[in-house]
Each structure stands twice: as structure tokens, then as C-alpha cells.
Protein backbone atom coordinates (compact mmCIF):
# COMPACT_ATOMS: atom_id res chain seq x y z
CA MET A 1 -0.05 -0.10 0.00
CA ASN A 2 1.32 3.44 -0.88
CA ARG A 3 1.26 5.35 2.48
CA LEU A 4 2.84 8.66 1.33
CA PRO A 5 -0.41 10.59 1.26
CA VAL A 6 -1.17 9.54 4.90
CA ILE A 7 2.43 10.49 5.99
CA HIS A 8 2.14 13.84 4.28
CA ALA A 9 -1.22 14.43 5.93
CA ILE A 10 0.08 13.45 9.46
CA SER A 11 3.13 15.71 8.88
CA LYS A 12 0.89 18.67 8.22
CA ARG A 13 -1.12 17.94 11.36
CA TRP A 14 2.01 17.95 13.57
CA LEU A 15 3.09 21.04 12.05
CA SER A 16 -0.13 22.71 13.05
CA ILE A 17 0.49 21.57 16.63
CA ALA A 18 3.96 23.19 16.55
CA LEU A 19 2.30 26.48 15.64
CA LEU A 20 -0.71 25.88 18.18
CA LEU A 21 -0.08 28.49 20.92
CA VAL A 22 0.87 31.29 18.32
CA LEU A 23 -2.22 30.69 16.47
CA VAL A 24 -4.44 30.29 19.53
CA THR A 25 -3.18 33.68 20.68
CA LEU A 26 -3.86 35.37 17.20
CA LEU A 27 -7.19 33.69 16.56
CA ALA A 28 -8.64 34.12 20.09
CA GLY A 29 -7.71 37.73 20.06
CA CYS A 30 -9.59 38.28 16.97
CA GLY A 31 -12.50 36.10 17.97
CA GLY A 32 -11.78 33.16 15.47
CA PRO A 33 -11.54 29.51 16.44
CA PRO A 34 -8.24 27.98 17.28
CA PRO A 35 -6.81 25.41 14.90
CA VAL A 36 -7.35 21.68 14.88
CA THR A 37 -4.86 20.12 17.21
CA SER A 38 -5.20 16.38 17.05
CA TRP A 39 -2.94 15.45 20.04
CA PRO A 40 -3.09 11.78 21.10
CA GLY A 41 -5.09 10.18 23.73
CA TYR A 42 -4.72 7.12 26.04
CA VAL A 43 -6.11 5.21 28.92
CA VAL A 44 -3.96 3.20 31.49
CA SER A 45 -5.35 0.32 33.37
CA GLY A 46 -3.04 -1.70 35.58
CA ASN A 47 0.21 -2.31 33.61
CA LYS A 48 -1.42 -1.76 30.20
CA ALA A 49 -1.78 1.37 28.23
CA TYR A 50 -3.99 1.84 25.15
CA VAL A 51 -2.77 4.68 23.04
CA ALA A 52 -4.72 6.35 20.22
CA SER A 53 -2.04 8.37 18.20
CA SER A 54 -1.61 8.95 14.46
CA ASP A 55 -3.12 6.17 12.48
CA GLN A 56 -3.33 3.33 14.95
CA ILE A 57 -4.39 2.20 18.41
CA VAL A 58 -1.57 0.44 20.19
CA GLU A 59 -1.46 -1.73 23.45
CA LEU A 60 1.64 -1.20 25.42
CA ASP A 61 3.07 -2.83 28.61
CA VAL A 62 3.87 0.03 31.01
CA SER A 63 5.62 -2.30 33.77
CA PRO A 64 8.92 -0.73 34.79
CA ASN A 65 10.89 -4.06 34.83
CA ILE A 66 10.64 -5.28 31.25
CA ALA A 67 12.73 -4.44 28.27
CA ASP A 68 11.47 -1.68 26.08
CA VAL A 69 11.65 -3.64 22.95
CA LYS A 70 9.07 -5.94 24.42
CA ARG A 71 6.57 -3.42 25.50
CA GLN A 72 4.25 -3.51 22.39
CA GLY A 73 1.51 -5.72 22.44
CA TRP A 74 -1.12 -5.54 19.61
CA LYS A 75 -1.69 -2.70 17.25
CA TRP A 76 -4.88 -1.94 15.25
CA PRO A 77 -5.50 -1.84 12.52
CA PRO A 78 -2.69 -4.18 11.58
CA ALA A 79 -2.04 -2.04 8.49
CA SER A 80 -2.59 1.69 8.36
CA THR A 81 -5.92 2.78 6.69
CA ALA A 82 -5.30 5.69 4.19
CA GLY A 83 -6.52 9.00 5.61
CA ILE A 84 -7.79 7.74 8.95
CA GLY A 85 -6.35 9.02 12.35
CA TYR A 86 -7.01 8.16 15.95
CA HIS A 87 -6.52 10.94 18.51
CA SER A 88 -9.76 10.78 20.57
CA GLN A 89 -9.22 9.79 24.23
CA PRO A 90 -10.36 6.16 24.56
CA ALA A 91 -12.59 4.64 27.20
CA LEU A 92 -12.18 1.35 28.81
CA SER A 93 -14.94 -0.86 30.21
CA PRO A 94 -14.79 -1.70 34.02
CA ASP A 95 -13.87 -5.34 33.35
CA GLY A 96 -10.95 -4.26 30.98
CA LYS A 97 -12.33 -6.10 28.12
CA THR A 98 -13.83 -3.49 25.78
CA LEU A 99 -12.12 -0.43 24.37
CA TYR A 100 -14.25 2.46 22.94
CA PHE A 101 -12.44 5.03 20.74
CA GLY A 102 -13.18 7.54 17.86
CA SER A 103 -11.48 8.47 14.60
CA ASP A 104 -11.02 11.34 12.45
CA SER A 105 -10.37 12.00 8.81
CA LEU A 106 -6.96 13.31 7.92
CA THR A 107 -8.27 14.94 4.67
CA GLY A 108 -12.03 15.75 5.52
CA ASN A 109 -14.57 15.79 8.36
CA SER A 110 -15.74 12.15 8.74
CA GLY A 111 -15.44 10.18 11.95
CA VAL A 112 -16.38 6.72 13.25
CA VAL A 113 -16.75 5.38 16.88
CA PHE A 114 -15.50 1.75 17.54
CA ALA A 115 -15.95 -0.73 20.29
CA MET A 116 -13.22 -3.37 20.40
CA ASP A 117 -12.91 -6.64 22.27
CA ILE A 118 -9.39 -6.27 23.58
CA ASP A 119 -8.83 -10.12 24.00
CA LEU A 120 -9.56 -10.87 20.46
CA VAL A 121 -8.40 -7.49 19.09
CA GLN A 122 -11.61 -7.56 17.06
CA LEU A 123 -14.30 -4.85 16.63
CA LYS A 124 -17.57 -5.50 18.32
CA TRP A 125 -19.44 -2.60 16.65
CA THR A 126 -18.95 0.57 14.74
CA TYR A 127 -21.10 3.74 14.54
CA PRO A 128 -22.44 4.78 11.98
CA ALA A 129 -23.26 1.23 10.98
CA THR A 130 -26.19 1.90 8.53
CA THR A 131 -27.04 4.61 6.08
CA THR A 132 -29.86 5.57 8.40
CA ASP A 133 -27.37 6.38 11.22
CA VAL A 134 -26.41 10.07 11.49
CA ALA A 135 -23.05 10.73 9.75
CA LEU A 136 -20.30 11.90 12.08
CA GLY A 137 -17.90 14.73 11.88
CA ASN A 138 -14.23 14.13 13.07
CA ILE A 139 -13.93 13.13 16.80
CA TYR A 140 -11.20 15.06 18.64
CA GLY A 141 -12.62 14.96 22.18
CA GLY A 142 -12.76 11.73 24.37
CA VAL A 143 -15.35 8.90 24.30
CA VAL A 144 -16.91 8.63 27.72
CA LEU A 145 -18.46 5.37 29.02
CA ASP A 146 -21.03 5.88 31.84
CA GLY A 147 -22.90 2.76 32.91
CA ASP A 148 -24.31 1.26 29.68
CA ALA A 149 -23.99 4.31 27.45
CA VAL A 150 -21.25 5.90 25.52
CA TYR A 151 -21.13 9.65 24.93
CA PHE A 152 -18.97 11.84 22.50
CA ALA A 153 -19.31 14.85 20.47
CA ASP A 154 -18.03 15.59 16.94
CA ASN A 155 -16.68 18.38 14.84
CA ASN A 156 -20.21 19.14 13.36
CA GLY A 157 -21.26 20.37 16.87
CA LEU A 158 -23.50 17.33 17.65
CA LEU A 159 -23.51 15.31 21.00
CA PHE A 160 -24.23 11.57 20.68
CA ALA A 161 -25.24 8.72 23.08
CA LEU A 162 -24.86 5.17 22.10
CA ASP A 163 -25.70 1.88 23.75
CA ALA A 164 -22.29 0.45 24.97
CA ALA A 165 -23.19 -3.08 24.23
CA THR A 166 -24.64 -2.69 20.64
CA GLY A 167 -23.60 0.77 19.19
CA GLN A 168 -27.11 1.64 18.61
CA SER A 169 -28.24 5.31 19.27
CA ARG A 170 -29.80 5.85 22.67
CA TRP A 171 -31.72 9.03 21.32
CA SER A 172 -33.90 9.44 18.38
CA LYS A 173 -31.46 12.06 17.13
CA PRO A 174 -28.13 13.62 18.52
CA PHE A 175 -28.33 16.71 20.58
CA ASP A 176 -27.86 19.72 18.36
CA PRO A 177 -27.31 23.25 19.64
CA GLY A 178 -28.25 24.45 16.17
CA THR A 179 -25.05 26.38 15.77
CA LYS A 180 -23.16 23.70 13.77
CA THR A 181 -20.01 24.90 15.64
CA ARG A 182 -17.17 22.24 16.25
CA ILE A 183 -16.84 20.59 19.56
CA TRP A 184 -13.56 19.36 20.72
CA SER A 185 -14.34 18.72 24.29
CA THR A 186 -14.95 15.42 26.16
CA PRO A 187 -18.33 15.24 27.66
CA ALA A 188 -18.75 15.02 31.63
CA VAL A 189 -21.49 13.11 33.03
CA LYS A 190 -23.15 13.51 36.50
CA GLY A 191 -26.30 11.38 37.43
CA ASN A 192 -28.66 11.83 34.63
CA THR A 193 -27.03 14.99 32.98
CA VAL A 194 -24.25 15.26 30.34
CA PHE A 195 -22.29 18.39 30.08
CA ILE A 196 -20.50 19.60 26.92
CA ALA A 197 -18.55 22.69 25.98
CA SER A 198 -18.87 24.00 22.61
CA GLN A 199 -16.77 26.47 20.55
CA ASP A 200 -20.15 28.45 20.07
CA HIS A 201 -19.17 29.84 23.45
CA HIS A 202 -21.76 27.80 25.46
CA VAL A 203 -21.73 24.96 28.00
CA TYR A 204 -24.92 22.72 27.52
CA ALA A 205 -26.40 20.50 30.06
CA VAL A 206 -28.37 17.63 28.34
CA ASN A 207 -30.70 14.94 29.67
CA ALA A 208 -28.79 11.71 29.55
CA GLY A 209 -32.07 9.69 28.99
CA ASN A 210 -33.52 11.45 25.94
CA GLY A 211 -30.93 14.02 24.80
CA SER A 212 -33.02 17.08 25.47
CA LEU A 213 -31.64 20.42 26.56
CA ILE A 214 -31.83 21.10 30.16
CA TRP A 215 -29.97 24.46 30.17
CA LYS A 216 -27.20 26.34 28.44
CA PHE A 217 -24.58 28.86 29.84
CA PRO A 218 -24.64 31.64 29.34
CA ALA A 219 -28.33 31.76 28.75
CA GLU A 220 -30.00 33.77 26.00
CA GLY A 221 -29.51 37.45 26.62
CA GLU A 222 -26.57 37.03 28.96
CA PRO A 223 -23.08 38.47 27.96
CA GLU A 224 -21.13 36.24 25.76
CA ILE A 225 -18.01 34.52 27.13
CA GLY A 226 -14.95 33.42 25.25
CA THR A 227 -14.25 30.47 23.16
CA LEU A 228 -14.39 26.97 24.96
CA PRO A 229 -11.81 24.82 23.31
CA GLY A 230 -11.45 22.32 26.28
CA SER A 231 -13.48 19.99 28.30
CA PRO A 232 -15.80 20.70 31.29
CA ILE A 233 -14.93 19.26 34.64
CA VAL A 234 -17.50 18.32 37.21
CA HIS A 235 -16.50 18.32 40.95
CA GLY A 236 -19.26 17.93 43.44
CA GLU A 237 -22.20 20.07 42.46
CA THR A 238 -20.19 22.38 40.22
CA VAL A 239 -19.30 22.31 36.44
CA TYR A 240 -16.01 24.10 35.69
CA VAL A 241 -15.06 25.34 32.22
CA GLY A 242 -11.95 27.25 31.08
CA SER A 243 -12.14 29.94 28.45
CA PHE A 244 -10.01 31.85 25.96
CA ASP A 245 -11.23 35.08 27.79
CA SER A 246 -8.97 33.94 30.52
CA ASN A 247 -11.82 33.13 32.91
CA LEU A 248 -12.53 29.87 34.85
CA TYR A 249 -16.29 29.72 35.07
CA ALA A 250 -17.83 27.78 37.95
CA ILE A 251 -21.58 26.88 37.08
CA GLY A 252 -24.17 25.35 39.40
CA MET A 253 -26.34 22.42 38.42
CA ASN A 254 -28.97 24.83 37.72
CA GLY A 255 -26.99 26.57 34.96
CA GLN A 256 -26.28 29.70 37.04
CA LEU A 257 -22.79 31.27 37.47
CA ARG A 258 -21.42 30.76 40.88
CA TRP A 259 -18.23 32.67 40.27
CA LYS A 260 -15.53 33.16 37.83
CA PHE A 261 -11.72 33.46 38.26
CA THR A 262 -9.58 35.68 35.94
CA ALA A 263 -6.16 34.01 35.16
CA GLU A 264 -3.27 35.75 33.62
CA GLY A 265 -3.30 33.55 30.53
CA ARG A 266 -6.06 31.98 28.46
CA LEU A 267 -7.52 28.56 29.77
CA TRP A 268 -8.05 25.40 27.94
CA ASP A 269 -9.18 22.29 30.13
CA GLY A 270 -10.80 22.72 33.48
CA PRO A 271 -9.11 22.26 36.97
CA ALA A 272 -8.30 19.18 39.04
CA GLU A 273 -9.74 19.04 42.68
CA ALA A 274 -8.12 17.45 45.73
CA ASN A 275 -8.93 17.97 49.50
CA GLY A 276 -11.22 20.92 48.92
CA VAL A 277 -8.72 22.80 46.51
CA LEU A 278 -8.88 23.34 42.69
CA TYR A 279 -5.68 23.43 40.64
CA GLN A 280 -5.86 25.24 37.34
CA GLY A 281 -3.22 25.89 34.71
CA ASP A 282 -3.25 28.63 32.09
CA LEU A 283 -1.51 29.15 28.76
CA ASN A 284 1.02 31.44 30.22
CA GLY A 285 2.53 28.71 32.42
CA ASN A 286 0.79 29.58 35.62
CA VAL A 287 -0.81 26.87 37.95
CA TYR A 288 -3.24 28.32 40.50
CA ALA A 289 -4.59 26.90 43.83
CA LEU A 290 -8.26 28.05 44.19
CA ASP A 291 -11.14 27.81 46.74
CA PRO A 292 -13.94 26.05 45.14
CA ALA A 293 -16.41 27.96 47.06
CA SER A 294 -15.42 31.34 45.99
CA GLY A 295 -12.82 31.08 43.25
CA GLN A 296 -10.37 33.08 45.24
CA ALA A 297 -6.59 32.02 45.45
CA THR A 298 -6.00 30.02 48.54
CA GLY A 299 -2.98 28.58 50.37
CA TRP A 300 -0.17 29.41 48.01
CA PRO A 301 1.86 32.61 48.35
CA GLN A 302 1.74 32.95 44.75
CA PRO A 303 0.90 30.91 41.55
CA ALA A 304 3.49 28.27 40.51
CA LYS A 305 5.25 29.48 37.21
CA LEU A 306 6.26 26.96 34.75
CA ALA A 307 8.13 27.08 31.41
CA GLY A 308 5.34 26.78 28.79
CA GLY A 309 1.66 26.78 28.73
CA VAL A 310 -0.66 24.33 30.56
CA ARG A 311 -3.42 22.86 28.40
CA ALA A 312 -4.51 19.78 30.07
CA THR A 313 -6.07 19.32 33.57
CA PRO A 314 -3.37 18.40 36.13
CA LEU A 315 -3.21 15.15 37.94
CA VAL A 316 -3.29 15.31 41.62
CA THR A 317 -2.45 12.35 43.84
CA ASP A 318 -0.66 11.80 47.17
CA SER A 319 -0.26 15.60 47.84
CA VAL A 320 1.54 16.04 44.50
CA ILE A 321 0.43 17.88 41.38
CA TYR A 322 1.62 16.51 38.13
CA VAL A 323 1.47 18.93 35.20
CA GLY A 324 2.77 19.18 31.78
CA THR A 325 3.45 22.13 29.38
CA ASP A 326 3.74 22.71 25.72
CA GLN A 327 7.52 23.24 26.00
CA ASN A 328 8.16 19.32 26.43
CA LYS A 329 8.23 19.71 30.21
CA MET A 330 6.57 17.70 33.02
CA TYR A 331 6.60 18.93 36.68
CA ALA A 332 5.66 17.69 40.03
CA LEU A 333 4.47 20.35 42.65
CA GLU A 334 3.33 20.29 46.27
CA THR A 335 -0.32 20.74 46.70
CA GLU A 336 0.24 22.65 50.07
CA THR A 337 2.66 25.25 48.61
CA GLY A 338 3.00 24.95 44.92
CA ARG A 339 6.74 24.39 45.26
CA LEU A 340 8.67 22.02 42.92
CA VAL A 341 8.98 18.37 44.07
CA TRP A 342 10.99 17.45 40.99
CA GLY A 343 11.43 18.60 37.33
CA PRO A 344 11.19 19.50 34.97
CA PHE A 345 11.43 16.25 33.07
CA ALA A 346 12.25 17.20 29.44
CA ALA A 347 11.00 15.11 26.60
CA ARG A 348 12.40 15.49 23.06
CA ASP A 349 12.61 18.75 21.46
CA GLY A 350 9.27 19.45 19.66
CA GLU A 351 7.20 17.15 22.05
CA MET A 352 4.47 18.91 24.06
CA MET A 353 2.79 17.60 27.07
CA LEU A 354 -0.87 18.27 26.14
CA VAL A 355 -2.38 15.23 27.82
CA THR A 356 -3.13 14.70 31.56
CA PRO A 357 -0.55 12.14 32.87
CA GLN A 358 -1.72 8.86 34.38
CA ILE A 359 -0.39 6.57 37.19
CA SER A 360 0.46 2.81 36.99
CA GLY A 361 1.85 1.62 40.30
CA ASP A 362 4.76 3.91 41.32
CA SER A 363 5.19 5.11 37.66
CA LEU A 364 3.91 8.15 36.10
CA ILE A 365 2.86 7.47 32.43
CA VAL A 366 3.59 10.51 30.27
CA LEU A 367 2.11 10.78 26.61
CA PRO A 368 3.45 13.75 24.57
CA ASN A 369 2.45 14.64 21.07
CA LEU A 370 4.55 13.44 18.32
CA ALA A 371 7.85 14.88 17.20
CA GLY A 372 9.57 13.49 14.15
CA ALA A 373 8.35 10.41 12.29
CA ASP A 374 7.62 8.07 15.26
CA PRO A 375 3.91 7.19 15.26
CA ILE A 376 3.75 7.06 18.96
CA ARG A 377 5.83 8.07 22.01
CA LEU A 378 5.33 7.10 25.63
CA TYR A 379 7.56 7.61 28.80
CA GLY A 380 7.52 6.05 32.18
CA LEU A 381 8.75 8.14 35.00
CA ASN A 382 9.48 7.47 38.71
CA LYS A 383 6.62 9.39 40.13
CA ALA A 384 8.59 10.21 43.34
CA THR A 385 11.74 11.54 41.52
CA GLY A 386 10.79 12.25 37.78
CA ALA A 387 13.62 9.98 36.69
CA GLN A 388 12.96 8.22 33.40
CA LEU A 389 12.51 4.69 33.78
CA TRP A 390 11.73 3.75 30.05
CA ARG A 391 10.49 5.07 26.89
CA PHE A 392 8.74 3.68 23.94
CA PRO A 393 9.81 3.23 21.07
CA PRO A 394 13.00 2.02 22.67
CA ALA A 395 16.23 4.29 22.24
CA ALA A 396 18.21 3.53 19.17
CA THR A 397 20.94 2.01 21.26
CA GLN A 398 18.85 -0.81 22.74
């Protein structure tokens, strides 16, 4: 198979990522949307990672004590399919047997959602499956599994709900805000409500049972807010969403604004929460500790300042904040003070840490975007010290 068109399309996509922050600043300043990003996604369960990157899904062993050349398990599809990319954050069933993931077209706007039997490495279903199913745009946000339903949004501005077992639509039609504006965010689910952020400058709360609108923020007639490129985050009874107007919005379950916090830089994804404190990063490289009741800075003498912008929600565990930046850096900070625990760990030049890291045992599993010709890149770090334990693909000397 001649793969040159695919390689050319992928190379152009990674070039667009390298220009991301410059374009984000220019486009947000003039009111236009930011560029397509297509950074990879992954899910870690036990000693396995399932990585959606470039034109394949790959299973990797993330154990610290095996040779790097033996890490790769299966990859799907076995041979690349021309023009198809996989960048959506996957979801894994609680029993670890089914992987749900979305795709995008490298040359157009046409996506598919898949459910895969991991043991057999075979597809269980795809959506759309028939000509009567609603056609999808590219899927850049994550696929969310909640109970027996799968939720995701597409580049046409639609929110879908599928039966997790069969792939059939749960609603008579997808939720459509009517603006046809792209959605790059991952849905958030709480109880019987699905929350989604659209680049039409609104957050929508949708009934999970029938797909009907419950509320949107801001409501009709209220002042417009900035572009919402990232994903809403739900902590307790509050939905948090970051905006390119540099505000973090805290929205109650009734759709009313509780407070907003103005950061120094623009905001992408929402905050992490631990022990009654929110941790939010901005594109100017600041990390803030905020009171979830008021949105006021709390505890730290000043925000932590990192090299590069923060796109992803930080990971907080065991009194440590793990946060990456677009300048190939990964940091560990104290939750109490914001002071450095270790770091930065530096990946290769050109790689950017745009995805929330994950934990496997005593290891921090770090997924950067691509740099160069490798179709995938993954690091295992000692979570206590930041020392590199392994990398995939293996170093050339191995």
C-alpha cells in the first residue's frame, strides 16, 4: 500500500500543533476559532496502556521491569488505513475487556466510533453502522463510558449517546445546539446529565435519558463569554470550564454562574480537585490553587510558574500535582505550597505535554504529542523523583 499521502497528511497535522499556541493567541484575540490540534489520547489500566495516536491504536505494557523492545502488544488496524487518524481519548470498560474510541479523517470531516474486544483484538461494533445512522464529523474529544451508555461529540457540533453493548443510538437524534459549531471537548457526566462545551461559546447540560436540553450557559440575553476549546470538569455540584477570555467559570447544576476566576493567561481544560482545593493551569504557564466555594486564590503565596503553557487538567495524587506544558516539560508540585517536588522532566525537542498524565503503580505514564516520524511516544517516569524509567519506542541503542 502506498502510504505517502497518509504520512504527508500526518506531517501537516503535527506542524499545526507546533504552531498551536501562536495561532491560539492570534485567533482568540480576533474572535476566531483555534486550529485543529489532534494530539493523542490514552487510557491506562493496571500495567497496560491503550494509546490512540496517529493512524493506529496500540497496546503497550507499562511495567517498569521489562525491556522496552518487548513493550508493544497488539496494534490496530494491523495495516494503516489511508486517511484515518485516531486521536480521541479512549474509554475502557470496567472489566477491562472493551475499548471504545473515535476516529477522524486526515483529509476531511468524517469520523467513526468503535468498540473493540481487547482479548480478540476484534471490533464488536462501529457507529455509524447503516445509512440511516447520523453521519459523524471528526472526533477529537474523548469517548466517555458511563454505565451502559457511550457519549461523545463531533466536529459538526453534535452530541451523541450510544448503547455501549450494541452501538445503537440511545436517542432518536443527536443533541444539536443548532449552531453547527465544532466541539473538541470530552463530555462530562453526572447522574442523569451530560455536560458539553462547544466552541459556540456555550456549555450545554443535556438529559442523558432522552438528549433534551436542560440549560445552556450563558443563557439567552446574558453576556457572551470566550471560546471554550477544552472539556468541562465536574467536581461535586459544580461544572468548571476554562475559556479563551482567561476566565474559569464555575457553574451550578441549575446553569447559574457561581463565580469566575480571571487568570493571567487563556484557559483550556478545567481544573483538578483534591482535598477541597482546585488546581488550574493557564497558557501563560501559571498553576493556581483556588477555593472551590469562592474562586479566590488560597494557600499558596503565589501561583506556580512553569516553562510553557498548561493545556491539560493536572493530575493530583498523594499531595503531589503532576502537570505538563507545551514546552516538552513535566513537573511535580506540592499541593500545599506549589513548590517544586521535582522537574522539569524534559521530553524530546518538539514534543509537547498536552494530555493529563496517568499513574500505574509507582510510575507516572506520560504521553506527549509526536515529534519527528515516530507514530507514537510514551514515557514511564518514577513518580517520586521524575527519573525516566523507560520510553517507547526504545532508544536507538537498545
